[in-house]
Amino acid sequence: MFRALSAAVLIAALAGAATAQVPPPEAPPAPPAPSSGPADWRALDPANTLVIDTTQGRIVVEMHPEIAPGHVARIKALARQGYYNGAQFYRVLGFAAQGGDKGDRSFRSPLPNLKDEFFFPLTAATPYASFGASAQGDLGFVGSLPVLIDPNPALPAGQAPTSGRGSVIFCPGVASFAHGAPADSANSQIFFMKVRGTNLEKTFTAWGRVVQGYDVVTALKMGEPPPPPADKMVRVRVMADMPAAERPMLQVMDTRGPAFQALLQSASRAKGAAFTLCDVDVPTR
């Protein structure tokens, strides 16, 4: 039976991460943000912001069409159809919270499955902020998403790439689509990371990151399924479709700006060789 978004593939992939680490109750605390000016902050794009009102509170997700255009388009289409309104968080474990089912165990929408977008092309138009090279490739951010750009031996040392192939680092708060055994079977079920999901990187499509409401994600009732009543997505909307008075009034620190780069450097010095991009949350205000 087709269960594209719920069964063994996601659990098996996450199981390795679960056994390798004890999930913390919350994301790692970020160092205090350095002083910043107006140029260090940017407004959320209403056309690419998803607002999820749940039984535990509000989750705001910044969507990234430059990373996963097909999956972002699908989220918008389903939100505008009301597909997620009333949907349950039916699998909430220590490493991820998954939802999108209304209790009928269908696990898919009437729309066709999606082609995977595990990788994205880095171009000169991509708003990429490089943190620096590593053995795995160049580390940085596209908006609020931490990413890895494949190594380019032809690139001079110390020069940030402007082209190549990138993938998302699955830090806490990253939003992704679930899929079944075929890679191209993602459809409608989504999940939010609660710990670093190394085993999911380059095998699941990330489409955004929680910029407000990560505490809501960690407060969702746990279980597979959770004991009734399960937490639900009460209402899911694209921010551009909301009345102005109901829109979240948020700004996100620009990962390309000096204040965020200073924040990264401070965290890197504090943690040394153990530092990863998951150690720094993107501040909001």
C-alpha atoms as a PDB file:
ATOM      1  CA  MET A   1       0.000   0.000   0.000  1.00  0.00           C
ATOM      2  CA  PHE A   2       1.283   3.471  -0.860  1.00  0.00           C
ATOM      3  CA  ARG A   3       2.165   5.378   2.287  1.00  0.00           C
ATOM      4  CA  ALA A   4       4.422   7.920   0.696  1.00  0.00           C
ATOM      5  CA  LEU A   5       4.902  10.100   3.648  1.00  0.00           C
ATOM      6  CA  SER A   6       4.696   8.182   6.809  1.00  0.00           C
ATOM      7  CA  ALA A   7       6.298   4.837   7.114  1.00  0.00           C
ATOM      8  CA  ALA A   8       9.603   3.080   7.215  1.00  0.00           C
ATOM      9  CA  VAL A   9      11.760   5.310   5.018  1.00  0.00           C
ATOM     10  CA  LEU A  10      11.606   8.403   7.199  1.00  0.00           C
ATOM     11  CA  ILE A  11      11.828   6.441  10.429  1.00  0.00           C
ATOM     12  CA  ALA A  12      14.731   4.297   9.212  1.00  0.00           C
ATOM     13  CA  ALA A  13      16.630   7.323   8.016  1.00  0.00           C
ATOM     14  CA  LEU A  14      16.133   9.113  11.301  1.00  0.00           C
ATOM     15  CA  ALA A  15      16.823   6.080  13.465  1.00  0.00           C
ATOM     16  CA  GLY A  16      20.561   6.367  12.950  1.00  0.00           C
ATOM     17  CA  ALA A  17      20.521   9.968  14.100  1.00  0.00           C
ATOM     18  CA  ALA A  18      18.372   9.050  17.070  1.00  0.00           C
ATOM     19  CA  THR A  19      20.735   6.359  18.280  1.00  0.00           C
ATOM     20  CA  ALA A  20      23.778   8.538  17.738  1.00  0.00           C
ATOM     21  CA  GLN A  21      22.617  11.324  20.029  1.00  0.00           C
ATOM     22  CA  VAL A  22      20.192  12.029  22.820  1.00  0.00           C
ATOM     23  CA  PRO A  23      17.709  14.602  21.521  1.00  0.00           C
ATOM     24  CA  PRO A  24      17.881  17.825  23.523  1.00  0.00           C
ATOM     25  CA  PRO A  25      14.574  19.350  24.632  1.00  0.00           C
ATOM     26  CA  GLU A  26      15.331  22.538  22.741  1.00  0.00           C
ATOM     27  CA  ALA A  27      17.631  23.874  20.043  1.00  0.00           C
ATOM     28  CA  PRO A  28      21.174  24.711  21.195  1.00  0.00           C
ATOM     29  CA  PRO A  29      21.244  28.210  22.735  1.00  0.00           C
ATOM     30  CA  ALA A  30      22.834  30.800  20.492  1.00  0.00           C
ATOM     31  CA  PRO A  31      25.467  33.222  21.776  1.00  0.00           C
ATOM     32  CA  PRO A  32      24.162  36.743  22.431  1.00  0.00           C
ATOM     33  CA  ALA A  33      23.717  38.642  19.194  1.00  0.00           C
ATOM     34  CA  PRO A  34      26.251  41.408  18.589  1.00  0.00           C
ATOM     35  CA  SER A  35      25.030  44.957  18.272  1.00  0.00           C
ATOM     36  CA  SER A  36      23.318  45.507  14.962  1.00  0.00           C
ATOM     37  CA  GLY A  37      21.874  48.287  12.883  1.00  0.00           C
ATOM     38  CA  PRO A  38      18.827  48.510  10.613  1.00  0.00           C
ATOM     39  CA  ALA A  39      20.818  47.180   7.650  1.00  0.00           C
ATOM     40  CA  ASP A  40      21.376  43.896   9.498  1.00  0.00           C
ATOM     41  CA  TRP A  41      17.662  43.055   9.495  1.00  0.00           C
ATOM     42  CA  ARG A  42      15.249  42.148   6.746  1.00  0.00           C
ATOM     43  CA  ALA A  43      11.484  41.730   6.563  1.00  0.00           C
ATOM     44  CA  LEU A  44       9.961  38.364   5.758  1.00  0.00           C
ATOM     45  CA  ASP A  45       8.589  38.025   2.239  1.00  0.00           C
ATOM     46  CA  PRO A  46       4.802  37.588   2.692  1.00  0.00           C
ATOM     47  CA  ALA A  47       4.622  35.518  -0.505  1.00  0.00           C
ATOM     48  CA  ASN A  48       7.119  33.014   0.920  1.00  0.00           C
ATOM     49  CA  THR A  49       6.135  32.861   4.579  1.00  0.00           C
ATOM     50  CA  LEU A  50       3.871  30.117   5.942  1.00  0.00           C
ATOM     51  CA  VAL A  51       1.860  30.788   9.106  1.00  0.00           C
ATOM     52  CA  ILE A  52       0.705  27.640  10.913  1.00  0.00           C
ATOM     53  CA  ASP A  53      -1.690  28.168  13.818  1.00  0.00           C
ATOM     54  CA  THR A  54      -1.681  25.000  15.917  1.00  0.00           C
ATOM     55  CA  THR A  55      -3.274  23.763  19.114  1.00  0.00           C
ATOM     56  CA  GLN A  56       0.019  24.621  20.846  1.00  0.00           C
ATOM     57  CA  GLY A  57       0.516  28.065  19.300  1.00  0.00           C
ATOM     58  CA  ARG A  58       1.809  29.667  16.113  1.00  0.00           C
ATOM     59  CA  ILE A  59       4.668  28.438  13.907  1.00  0.00           C
ATOM     60  CA  VAL A  60       6.079  30.802  11.277  1.00  0.00           C
ATOM     61  CA  VAL A  61       8.148  29.219   8.516  1.00  0.00           C
ATOM     62  CA  GLU A  62      10.272  31.084   5.996  1.00  0.00           C
ATOM     63  CA  MET A  63       9.960  29.221   2.695  1.00  0.00           C
ATOM     64  CA  HIS A  64      12.808  29.128   0.192  1.00  0.00           C
ATOM     65  CA  PRO A  65      11.776  28.727  -3.466  1.00  0.00           C
ATOM     66  CA  GLU A  66      15.406  29.249  -4.510  1.00  0.00           C
ATOM     67  CA  ILE A  67      16.136  25.946  -2.739  1.00  0.00           C
ATOM     68  CA  ALA A  68      13.023  23.883  -3.565  1.00  0.00           C
ATOM     69  CA  PRO A  69      10.695  25.695  -5.990  1.00  0.00           C
ATOM     70  CA  GLY A  70       8.417  22.723  -6.647  1.00  0.00           C
ATOM     71  CA  HIS A  71       7.908  21.882  -2.980  1.00  0.00           C
ATOM     72  CA  VAL A  72       7.299  25.519  -1.995  1.00  0.00           C
ATOM     73  CA  ALA A  73       4.722  25.799  -4.766  1.00  0.00           C
ATOM     74  CA  ARG A  74       3.047  22.628  -3.438  1.00  0.00           C
ATOM     75  CA  ILE A  75       2.898  23.955   0.132  1.00  0.00           C
ATOM     76  CA  LYS A  76       1.302  27.178  -1.105  1.00  0.00           C
ATOM     77  CA  ALA A  77      -1.226  25.313  -3.243  1.00  0.00           C
ATOM     78  CA  LEU A  78      -2.272  22.974  -0.429  1.00  0.00           C
ATOM     79  CA  ALA A  79      -2.446  25.799   2.110  1.00  0.00           C
ATOM     80  CA  ARG A  80      -4.689  27.798  -0.219  1.00  0.00           C
ATOM     81  CA  GLN A  81      -6.913  24.759  -0.715  1.00  0.00           C
ATOM     82  CA  GLY A  82      -7.273  24.410   3.061  1.00  0.00           C
ATOM     83  CA  TYR A  83      -5.698  20.962   2.894  1.00  0.00           C
ATOM     84  CA  TYR A  84      -3.751  21.356   6.145  1.00  0.00           C
ATOM     85  CA  ASN A  85      -6.538  22.959   8.168  1.00  0.00           C
ATOM     86  CA  GLY A  86      -7.376  20.445  10.886  1.00  0.00           C
ATOM     87  CA  ALA A  87      -4.513  18.103   9.960  1.00  0.00           C
ATOM     88  CA  GLN A  88      -2.888  16.181  12.795  1.00  0.00           C
ATOM     89  CA  PHE A  89       0.703  15.966  13.944  1.00  0.00           C
ATOM     90  CA  TYR A  90       0.448  12.200  13.843  1.00  0.00           C
ATOM     91  CA  ARG A  91       4.110  11.267  14.321  1.00  0.00           C
ATOM     92  CA  VAL A  92       6.027  13.299  16.888  1.00  0.00           C
ATOM     93  CA  LEU A  93       9.282  11.727  18.031  1.00  0.00           C
ATOM     94  CA  GLY A  94      12.419  13.007  19.692  1.00  0.00           C
ATOM     95  CA  PHE A  95      14.018  14.104  16.442  1.00  0.00           C
ATOM     96  CA  ALA A  96      11.128  15.354  14.273  1.00  0.00           C
ATOM     97  CA  ALA A  97       7.458  16.299  14.259  1.00  0.00           C
ATOM     98  CA  GLN A  98       5.493  15.119  11.209  1.00  0.00           C
ATOM     99  CA  GLY A  99       1.996  16.132  10.189  1.00  0.00           C
ATOM    100  CA  GLY A 100      -0.499  16.494   7.387  1.00  0.00           C
ATOM    101  CA  ASP A 101      -2.957  13.620   7.974  1.00  0.00           C
ATOM    102  CA  LYS A 102      -6.562  14.258   9.003  1.00  0.00           C
ATOM    103  CA  GLY A 103      -6.985  10.902  10.653  1.00  0.00           C
ATOM    104  CA  ASP A 104      -7.937   8.888   7.576  1.00  0.00           C
ATOM    105  CA  ARG A 105      -4.391   7.507   7.169  1.00  0.00           C
ATOM    106  CA  SER A 106      -4.354   8.475   3.497  1.00  0.00           C
ATOM    107  CA  PHE A 107      -1.063  10.373   3.855  1.00  0.00           C
ATOM    108  CA  ARG A 108      -1.368  12.112   0.490  1.00  0.00           C
ATOM    109  CA  SER A 109      -3.298  14.822  -1.301  1.00  0.00           C
ATOM    110  CA  PRO A 110      -5.138  14.490  -4.624  1.00  0.00           C
ATOM    111  CA  LEU A 111      -2.195  16.218  -6.321  1.00  0.00           C
ATOM    112  CA  PRO A 112       0.552  14.227  -8.067  1.00  0.00           C
ATOM    113  CA  ASN A 113       3.813  13.337  -6.362  1.00  0.00           C
ATOM    114  CA  LEU A 114       6.765  15.683  -6.554  1.00  0.00           C
ATOM    115  CA  LYS A 115      10.168  15.289  -8.135  1.00  0.00           C
ATOM    116  CA  ASP A 116      12.842  15.395  -5.455  1.00  0.00           C
ATOM    117  CA  GLU A 117      14.778  18.626  -4.879  1.00  0.00           C
ATOM    118  CA  PHE A 118      17.525  17.335  -2.624  1.00  0.00           C
ATOM    119  CA  PHE A 119      20.034  19.634  -4.327  1.00  0.00           C
ATOM    120  CA  PHE A 120      19.813  23.196  -5.609  1.00  0.00           C
ATOM    121  CA  PRO A 121      21.937  25.128  -8.103  1.00  0.00           C
ATOM    122  CA  LEU A 122      24.002  27.948  -6.644  1.00  0.00           C
ATOM    123  CA  THR A 123      24.042  30.910  -9.023  1.00  0.00           C
ATOM    124  CA  ALA A 124      25.132  34.531  -8.822  1.00  0.00           C
ATOM    125  CA  ALA A 125      21.477  35.405  -8.092  1.00  0.00           C
ATOM    126  CA  THR A 126      21.262  33.120  -5.041  1.00  0.00           C
ATOM    127  CA  PRO A 127      21.406  35.136  -1.782  1.00  0.00           C
ATOM    128  CA  TYR A 128      24.247  32.984  -0.461  1.00  0.00           C
ATOM    129  CA  ALA A 129      26.304  34.054   2.549  1.00  0.00           C
ATOM    130  CA  SER A 130      29.494  32.018   2.857  1.00  0.00           C
ATOM    131  CA  PHE A 131      30.968  31.224   6.274  1.00  0.00           C
ATOM    132  CA  GLY A 132      33.979  29.435   4.863  1.00  0.00           C
ATOM    133  CA  ALA A 133      35.310  26.212   3.426  1.00  0.00           C
ATOM    134  CA  SER A 134      35.322  22.838   5.165  1.00  0.00           C
ATOM    135  CA  ALA A 135      36.429  19.362   4.132  1.00  0.00           C
ATOM    136  CA  GLN A 136      32.880  18.692   2.911  1.00  0.00           C
ATOM    137  CA  GLY A 137      32.507  21.929   0.947  1.00  0.00           C
ATOM    138  CA  ASP A 138      31.684  25.589   1.505  1.00  0.00           C
ATOM    139  CA  LEU A 139      29.416  26.282   4.484  1.00  0.00           C
ATOM    140  CA  GLY A 140      26.941  29.121   4.576  1.00  0.00           C
ATOM    141  CA  PHE A 141      23.340  30.284   4.549  1.00  0.00           C
ATOM    142  CA  VAL A 142      20.672  31.004   1.994  1.00  0.00           C
ATOM    143  CA  GLY A 143      18.303  33.198   3.954  1.00  0.00           C
ATOM    144  CA  SER A 144      17.588  31.312   7.184  1.00  0.00           C
ATOM    145  CA  LEU A 145      18.629  27.910   5.778  1.00  0.00           C
ATOM    146  CA  PRO A 146      22.100  26.514   6.549  1.00  0.00           C
ATOM    147  CA  VAL A 147      23.578  24.960   3.423  1.00  0.00           C
ATOM    148  CA  LEU A 148      26.615  23.138   2.096  1.00  0.00           C
ATOM    149  CA  ILE A 149      28.030  23.833  -1.364  1.00  0.00           C
ATOM    150  CA  ASP A 150      29.887  20.927  -2.971  1.00  0.00           C
ATOM    151  CA  PRO A 151      33.679  21.342  -3.119  1.00  0.00           C
ATOM    152  CA  ASN A 152      35.167  23.022  -6.166  1.00  0.00           C
ATOM    153  CA  PRO A 153      38.883  22.191  -6.494  1.00  0.00           C
ATOM    154  CA  ALA A 154      39.277  24.872  -9.157  1.00  0.00           C
ATOM    155  CA  LEU A 155      38.205  27.646  -6.766  1.00  0.00           C
ATOM    156  CA  PRO A 156      41.093  29.641  -5.247  1.00  0.00           C
ATOM    157  CA  ALA A 157      41.517  29.106  -1.495  1.00  0.00           C
ATOM    158  CA  GLY A 158      39.475  31.551   0.543  1.00  0.00           C
ATOM    159  CA  GLN A 159      37.172  32.533  -2.325  1.00  0.00           C
ATOM    160  CA  ALA A 160      33.459  31.979  -1.797  1.00  0.00           C
ATOM    161  CA  PRO A 161      31.723  30.038  -4.560  1.00  0.00           C
ATOM    162  CA  THR A 162      29.154  31.701  -6.823  1.00  0.00           C
ATOM    163  CA  SER A 163      28.188  28.518  -8.652  1.00  0.00           C
ATOM    164  CA  GLY A 164      27.909  24.827  -7.960  1.00  0.00           C
ATOM    165  CA  ARG A 165      25.553  22.365  -6.297  1.00  0.00           C
ATOM    166  CA  GLY A 166      24.183  22.907  -2.811  1.00  0.00           C
ATOM    167  CA  SER A 167      22.217  20.945  -0.232  1.00  0.00           C
ATOM    168  CA  VAL A 168      20.534  21.867   3.040  1.00  0.00           C
ATOM    169  CA  ILE A 169      21.996  21.082   6.469  1.00  0.00           C
ATOM    170  CA  PHE A 170      19.163  19.615   8.541  1.00  0.00           C
ATOM    171  CA  CYS A 171      19.459  21.712  11.704  1.00  0.00           C
ATOM    172  CA  PRO A 172      16.657  22.068  14.284  1.00  0.00           C
ATOM    173  CA  GLY A 173      13.756  24.004  12.811  1.00  0.00           C
ATOM    174  CA  VAL A 174      14.377  22.949   9.213  1.00  0.00           C
ATOM    175  CA  ALA A 175      11.121  22.036   7.443  1.00  0.00           C
ATOM    176  CA  SER A 176      11.087  19.156   4.965  1.00  0.00           C
ATOM    177  CA  PHE A 177       8.778  16.913   2.962  1.00  0.00           C
ATOM    178  CA  ALA A 178       8.518  13.223   3.810  1.00  0.00           C
ATOM    179  CA  HIS A 179       8.514  10.559   1.108  1.00  0.00           C
ATOM    180  CA  GLY A 180       8.302   6.815   0.690  1.00  0.00           C
ATOM    181  CA  ALA A 181      10.752   4.388  -0.874  1.00  0.00           C
ATOM    182  CA  PRO A 182      10.896   6.147  -4.271  1.00  0.00           C
ATOM    183  CA  ALA A 183      12.733   9.459  -3.980  1.00  0.00           C
ATOM    184  CA  ASP A 184      10.092  11.154  -6.126  1.00  0.00           C
ATOM    185  CA  SER A 185       7.142  10.204  -3.901  1.00  0.00           C
ATOM    186  CA  ALA A 186       6.869  13.317  -1.713  1.00  0.00           C
ATOM    187  CA  ASN A 187       3.357  14.681  -1.866  1.00  0.00           C
ATOM    188  CA  SER A 188       1.937  16.563   1.106  1.00  0.00           C
ATOM    189  CA  GLN A 189       3.308  15.321   4.433  1.00  0.00           C
ATOM    190  CA  ILE A 190       5.764  17.666   6.121  1.00  0.00           C
ATOM    191  CA  PHE A 191       8.026  17.441   9.132  1.00  0.00           C
ATOM    192  CA  PHE A 192      10.082  19.772  11.301  1.00  0.00           C
ATOM    193  CA  MET A 193      13.493  18.846  12.645  1.00  0.00           C
ATOM    194  CA  LYS A 194      14.052  18.915  16.408  1.00  0.00           C
ATOM    195  CA  VAL A 195      17.743  17.851  16.320  1.00  0.00           C
ATOM    196  CA  ARG A 196      20.426  17.677  13.636  1.00  0.00           C
ATOM    197  CA  GLY A 197      19.323  15.106  11.073  1.00  0.00           C
ATOM    198  CA  THR A 198      22.544  14.184   9.296  1.00  0.00           C
ATOM    199  CA  ASN A 199      20.987  11.006   7.885  1.00  0.00           C
ATOM    200  CA  LEU A 200      18.322  13.029   6.073  1.00  0.00           C
ATOM    201  CA  GLU A 201      20.649  15.393   4.278  1.00  0.00           C
ATOM    202  CA  LYS A 202      20.725  14.944   0.498  1.00  0.00           C
ATOM    203  CA  THR A 203      17.892  12.372   0.759  1.00  0.00           C
ATOM    204  CA  PHE A 204      14.901  14.558   1.722  1.00  0.00           C
ATOM    205  CA  THR A 205      13.801  17.913   0.353  1.00  0.00           C
ATOM    206  CA  ALA A 206      13.984  20.894   2.714  1.00  0.00           C
ATOM    207  CA  TRP A 207      11.710  23.794   1.812  1.00  0.00           C
ATOM    208  CA  GLY A 208      12.052  26.231   4.718  1.00  0.00           C
ATOM    209  CA  ARG A 209      12.907  26.862   8.351  1.00  0.00           C
ATOM    210  CA  VAL A 210      10.966  27.860  11.444  1.00  0.00           C
ATOM    211  CA  VAL A 211      11.779  31.492  12.281  1.00  0.00           C
ATOM    212  CA  GLN A 212       9.232  31.781  15.097  1.00  0.00           C
ATOM    213  CA  GLY A 213       7.531  29.046  17.116  1.00  0.00           C
ATOM    214  CA  TYR A 214      10.285  26.474  17.487  1.00  0.00           C
ATOM    215  CA  ASP A 215       9.082  26.188  21.096  1.00  0.00           C
ATOM    216  CA  VAL A 216       5.704  25.205  19.679  1.00  0.00           C
ATOM    217  CA  VAL A 217       7.311  22.419  17.639  1.00  0.00           C
ATOM    218  CA  THR A 218       9.020  21.027  20.749  1.00  0.00           C
ATOM    219  CA  ALA A 219       5.770  21.316  22.766  1.00  0.00           C
ATOM    220  CA  LEU A 220       3.758  19.091  20.399  1.00  0.00           C
ATOM    221  CA  LYS A 221       2.423  15.968  22.091  1.00  0.00           C
ATOM    222  CA  MET A 222       4.759  13.064  21.396  1.00  0.00           C
ATOM    223  CA  GLY A 223       3.888   9.621  20.113  1.00  0.00           C
ATOM    224  CA  GLU A 224       3.384   7.520  16.979  1.00  0.00           C
ATOM    225  CA  PRO A 225       0.557   8.364  17.021  1.00  0.00           C
ATOM    226  CA  PRO A 226       0.357  10.661  20.050  1.00  0.00           C
ATOM    227  CA  PRO A 227      -2.340   9.877  22.604  1.00  0.00           C
ATOM    228  CA  PRO A 228      -5.622  11.585  21.739  1.00  0.00           C
ATOM    229  CA  PRO A 229      -6.368  14.318  21.286  1.00  0.00           C
ATOM    230  CA  ALA A 230      -3.470  14.809  18.861  1.00  0.00           C
ATOM    231  CA  ASP A 231      -2.156  18.300  18.292  1.00  0.00           C
ATOM    232  CA  LYS A 232      -3.369  19.809  15.033  1.00  0.00           C
ATOM    233  CA  MET A 233      -2.647  22.445  12.460  1.00  0.00           C
ATOM    234  CA  VAL A 234      -5.771  24.477  13.119  1.00  0.00           C
ATOM    235  CA  ARG A 235      -5.195  26.864  10.216  1.00  0.00           C
ATOM    236  CA  VAL A 236      -2.376  27.146   7.674  1.00  0.00           C
ATOM    237  CA  ARG A 237      -1.988  30.238   5.491  1.00  0.00           C
ATOM    238  CA  VAL A 238       0.499  31.947   3.221  1.00  0.00           C
ATOM    239  CA  MET A 239       1.190  35.279   4.912  1.00  0.00           C
ATOM    240  CA  ALA A 240       0.432  37.195   1.702  1.00  0.00           C
ATOM    241  CA  ASP A 241      -3.154  35.885   1.906  1.00  0.00           C
ATOM    242  CA  MET A 242      -3.700  37.110   5.470  1.00  0.00           C
ATOM    243  CA  PRO A 243      -5.256  40.450   6.429  1.00  0.00           C
ATOM    244  CA  ALA A 244      -2.523  42.943   7.267  1.00  0.00           C
ATOM    245  CA  ALA A 245      -3.616  43.148  10.902  1.00  0.00           C
ATOM    246  CA  GLU A 246      -3.185  39.379  11.354  1.00  0.00           C
ATOM    247  CA  ARG A 247       0.269  39.039   9.821  1.00  0.00           C
ATOM    248  CA  PRO A 248       3.254  38.304  12.073  1.00  0.00           C
ATOM    249  CA  MET A 249       5.316  41.440  12.623  1.00  0.00           C
ATOM    250  CA  LEU A 250       8.744  39.890  12.333  1.00  0.00           C
ATOM    251  CA  GLN A 251      12.158  40.766  11.048  1.00  0.00           C
ATOM    252  CA  VAL A 252      14.940  38.241  10.514  1.00  0.00           C
ATOM    253  CA  MET A 253      18.641  38.997  10.868  1.00  0.00           C
ATOM    254  CA  ASP A 254      20.198  39.078   7.403  1.00  0.00           C
ATOM    255  CA  THR A 255      22.711  36.230   7.232  1.00  0.00           C
ATOM    256  CA  ARG A 256      24.690  38.260   4.677  1.00  0.00           C
ATOM    257  CA  GLY A 257      25.159  41.170   7.097  1.00  0.00           C
ATOM    258  CA  PRO A 258      28.090  41.902   9.425  1.00  0.00           C
ATOM    259  CA  ALA A 259      26.131  41.328  12.649  1.00  0.00           C
ATOM    260  CA  PHE A 260      25.252  37.737  11.736  1.00  0.00           C
ATOM    261  CA  GLN A 261      28.738  37.023  10.443  1.00  0.00           C
ATOM    262  CA  ALA A 262      30.096  38.286  13.778  1.00  0.00           C
ATOM    263  CA  LEU A 263      27.641  36.007  15.570  1.00  0.00           C
ATOM    264  CA  LEU A 264      28.943  33.025  13.589  1.00  0.00           C
ATOM    265  CA  GLN A 265      32.549  33.909  14.310  1.00  0.00           C
ATOM    266  CA  SER A 266      31.818  34.287  18.031  1.00  0.00           C
ATOM    267  CA  ALA A 267      30.120  30.868  18.198  1.00  0.00           C
ATOM    268  CA  SER A 268      32.923  29.279  16.179  1.00  0.00           C
ATOM    269  CA  ARG A 269      35.581  30.609  18.541  1.00  0.00           C
ATOM    270  CA  ALA A 270      33.584  29.437  21.564  1.00  0.00           C
ATOM    271  CA  LYS A 271      33.060  25.870  20.312  1.00  0.00           C
ATOM    272  CA  GLY A 272      36.256  25.375  18.365  1.00  0.00           C
ATOM    273  CA  ALA A 273      36.474  22.226  16.249  1.00  0.00           C
ATOM    274  CA  ALA A 274      33.053  21.063  17.461  1.00  0.00           C
ATOM    275  CA  PHE A 275      31.280  24.065  15.878  1.00  0.00           C
ATOM    276  CA  THR A 276      28.579  23.509  13.254  1.00  0.00           C
ATOM    277  CA  LEU A 277      26.150  25.914  11.629  1.00  0.00           C
ATOM    278  CA  CYS A 278      23.413  24.309  13.747  1.00  0.00           C
ATOM    279  CA  ASP A 279      24.966  25.973  16.811  1.00  0.00           C
ATOM    280  CA  VAL A 280      23.636  29.378  15.734  1.00  0.00           C
ATOM    281  CA  ASP A 281      19.975  30.260  15.344  1.00  0.00           C
ATOM    282  CA  VAL A 282      19.084  33.084  12.954  1.00  0.00           C
ATOM    283  CA  PRO A 283      17.800  35.835  15.283  1.00  0.00           C
ATOM    284  CA  THR A 284      14.356  37.354  14.799  1.00  0.00           C
ATOM    285  CA  ARG A 285      12.728  40.398  16.319  1.00  0.00           C
END
